[in-house]
Amino acid sequence: MPYMASKPFTDRVRYINACYHTYAEMAEMTGRSAAWWNNLTLGKSVGPPPPRLAPDMAYMLGVSERRIREMIAEEWYGIRPNDSAPRMGRRAVELSADLTMLDDADYEIVEKLTGRLAAPARDRLFKELDEQEQTEELGAPTSSTATSDETAIAIS
């Protein structure tokens, strides 16, 4: 089966164009011409947007700057984000688009809430790391009762 190039950036642009913004509005918001946006969605060859436009494009497309960079890397360079990322890492990426839409006051509330909810897991992780460090200082073999998934969750 031939390789089918993924077009996450173009697909998102088509959706935004169909539901929210004209190409002229996209041009005003991002610094790329209406013709560039039109050619992109028509499948014509266009160069990738420069990194300096990532913040404006992220805002217009309703995703995080990181997601914009991932979509550009995948569409223009064939580089995909690591699909084997821990479950919690994928959750964070999925939430990031919504978090970028919050105003500062609401973001502070979410930040406080996640800090409060994550505190017990963070404390457990630090305790395990301290115990591991003490064991290593004594020269004893290390063993952890936490699985790699539990550690990944605690770090998140």
Protein backbone atom coordinates (compact mmCIF):
# COMPACT_ATOMS: atom_id res chain seq x y z
CA MET A 1 0.00 0.00 0.00
CA PRO A 2 1.53 3.38 -0.96
CA TYR A 3 2.32 5.89 1.77
CA MET A 4 -0.47 8.43 2.14
CA ALA A 5 0.89 11.74 3.35
CA SER A 6 -0.93 13.03 6.38
CA LYS A 7 -2.25 16.58 6.09
CA PRO A 8 -3.23 17.60 9.66
CA PHE A 9 -2.48 21.28 9.08
CA THR A 10 -4.44 21.45 5.82
CA ASP A 11 -7.33 19.48 7.32
CA ARG A 12 -7.54 21.90 10.25
CA VAL A 13 -7.41 24.90 7.88
CA ARG A 14 -10.24 23.45 5.79
CA TYR A 15 -12.35 23.00 8.91
CA ILE A 16 -11.67 26.54 10.15
CA ASN A 17 -12.40 27.92 6.68
CA ALA A 18 -15.68 26.01 6.45
CA CYS A 19 -16.86 27.03 9.92
CA TYR A 20 -15.21 30.28 10.96
CA HIS A 21 -12.89 32.31 8.72
CA THR A 22 -12.48 33.26 5.07
CA TYR A 23 -9.03 33.09 3.48
CA ALA A 24 -8.89 36.90 3.62
CA GLU A 25 -9.54 36.82 7.38
CA MET A 26 -6.90 34.12 7.81
CA ALA A 27 -4.43 36.32 5.91
CA GLU A 28 -5.15 39.30 8.16
CA MET A 29 -4.71 37.18 11.29
CA THR A 30 -1.51 35.38 10.32
CA GLY A 31 0.61 37.24 7.79
CA ARG A 32 0.15 34.62 5.05
CA SER A 33 -1.71 35.73 1.93
CA ALA A 34 -5.24 34.64 1.08
CA ALA A 35 -3.76 33.00 -2.03
CA TRP A 36 -1.40 30.94 0.14
CA TRP A 37 -4.33 29.67 2.25
CA ASN A 38 -6.39 28.94 -0.87
CA ASN A 39 -3.53 27.11 -2.61
CA LEU A 40 -2.87 25.09 0.54
CA THR A 41 -6.44 23.80 0.71
CA LEU A 42 -6.51 23.12 -3.03
CA GLY A 43 -3.50 20.83 -2.63
CA LYS A 44 -1.12 23.05 -4.57
CA SER A 45 2.49 23.15 -3.53
CA VAL A 46 3.13 25.79 -0.87
CA GLY A 47 6.04 26.17 1.50
CA PRO A 48 5.58 25.64 5.21
CA PRO A 49 4.77 28.65 7.34
CA PRO A 50 7.78 30.10 9.15
CA PRO A 51 8.11 29.43 12.89
CA ARG A 52 7.55 33.12 13.72
CA LEU A 53 3.92 32.73 12.58
CA ALA A 54 3.18 29.81 14.92
CA PRO A 55 1.56 31.93 17.68
CA ASP A 56 -0.85 33.65 15.28
CA MET A 57 -1.66 30.42 13.46
CA ALA A 58 -2.21 28.59 16.74
CA TYR A 59 -4.66 31.24 17.87
CA MET A 60 -6.51 31.27 14.56
CA LEU A 61 -6.69 27.47 14.29
CA GLY A 62 -7.61 27.02 17.95
CA VAL A 63 -4.71 24.76 18.88
CA SER A 64 -1.50 25.14 20.86
CA GLU A 65 1.72 26.45 19.31
CA ARG A 66 3.25 23.05 19.94
CA ARG A 67 0.43 21.39 17.99
CA ILE A 68 0.98 23.84 15.11
CA ARG A 69 4.65 22.85 15.01
CA GLU A 70 3.72 19.15 15.11
CA MET A 71 1.24 19.54 12.26
CA ILE A 72 3.80 21.43 10.16
CA ALA A 73 6.49 18.83 10.89
CA GLU A 74 4.14 16.02 9.88
CA GLU A 75 2.69 17.63 6.77
CA TRP A 76 5.78 19.21 5.25
CA TYR A 77 8.57 17.02 6.59
CA GLY A 78 6.89 13.66 7.27
CA ILE A 79 7.88 13.73 10.95
CA ARG A 80 5.15 12.63 13.35
CA PRO A 81 4.97 13.13 17.08
CA ASN A 82 5.92 9.97 18.95
CA ASP A 83 2.83 7.75 18.95
CA SER A 84 4.19 5.79 21.88
CA ALA A 85 3.98 8.76 24.24
CA PRO A 86 2.63 7.86 27.66
CA ARG A 87 -1.11 8.07 28.07
CA MET A 88 -0.82 11.09 30.32
CA GLY A 89 1.36 12.88 27.75
CA ARG A 90 -1.38 12.46 25.14
CA ARG A 91 -3.93 13.77 27.61
CA ALA A 92 -1.84 16.87 28.18
CA VAL A 93 -1.56 17.49 24.44
CA GLU A 94 -5.31 17.08 24.02
CA LEU A 95 -6.00 19.57 26.82
CA SER A 96 -3.43 22.08 25.64
CA ALA A 97 -5.65 23.45 22.86
CA ASP A 98 -8.38 24.27 25.38
CA LEU A 99 -5.90 25.74 27.85
CA THR A 100 -4.54 28.18 25.27
CA MET A 101 -8.05 29.60 24.85
CA LEU A 102 -8.38 30.57 28.54
CA ASP A 103 -7.86 34.09 29.76
CA ASP A 104 -5.22 34.63 32.45
CA ALA A 105 -7.65 34.48 35.38
CA ASP A 106 -9.20 31.18 34.27
CA TYR A 107 -5.78 29.70 33.50
CA GLU A 108 -4.65 30.52 37.03
CA ILE A 109 -7.65 28.63 38.40
CA VAL A 110 -6.85 25.57 36.27
CA GLU A 111 -3.18 25.80 37.26
CA LYS A 112 -4.09 25.86 40.98
CA LEU A 113 -6.53 22.97 40.56
CA THR A 114 -4.06 20.74 38.72
CA GLY A 115 -1.35 21.60 41.23
CA ARG A 116 -3.65 20.58 44.08
CA LEU A 117 -4.74 17.36 42.39
CA ALA A 118 -1.19 16.40 41.39
CA ALA A 119 0.40 17.12 44.79
CA PRO A 120 -0.11 13.61 46.27
CA ALA A 121 1.33 11.91 43.17
CA ARG A 122 4.26 14.33 43.12
CA ASP A 123 4.94 13.67 46.81
CA ARG A 124 4.95 9.90 46.19
CA LEU A 125 7.37 10.34 43.30
CA PHE A 126 9.76 12.48 45.35
CA LYS A 127 9.64 9.97 48.19
CA GLU A 128 10.47 7.12 45.80
CA LEU A 129 13.33 9.12 44.28
CA ASP A 130 14.72 9.92 47.74
CA GLU A 131 14.54 6.25 48.71
CA GLN A 132 16.24 5.23 45.45
CA GLU A 133 19.00 7.81 45.99
CA GLN A 134 19.61 6.58 49.54
CA THR A 135 19.74 2.98 48.33
CA GLU A 136 22.25 3.90 45.61
CA GLU A 137 24.42 5.75 48.14
CA LEU A 138 24.60 2.54 50.19
CA GLY A 139 25.64 0.61 47.08
CA ALA A 140 22.66 -1.72 47.23
CA PRO A 141 20.88 -2.75 44.04
CA THR A 142 17.94 -0.54 43.22
CA SER A 143 14.41 -1.76 42.90
CA SER A 144 11.24 0.21 42.55
CA THR A 145 7.76 -0.82 43.41
CA ALA A 146 6.35 1.74 40.97
CA THR A 147 5.79 0.70 37.40
CA SER A 148 6.97 2.92 34.55
CA ASP A 149 3.33 3.89 33.90
CA GLU A 150 2.91 4.99 37.54
CA THR A 151 6.10 7.03 37.32
CA ALA A 152 4.99 8.62 34.04
CA ILE A 153 1.66 9.53 35.63
CA ALA A 154 3.36 10.96 38.69
CA ILE A 155 5.68 13.11 36.58
CA SER A 156 2.80 14.44 34.52
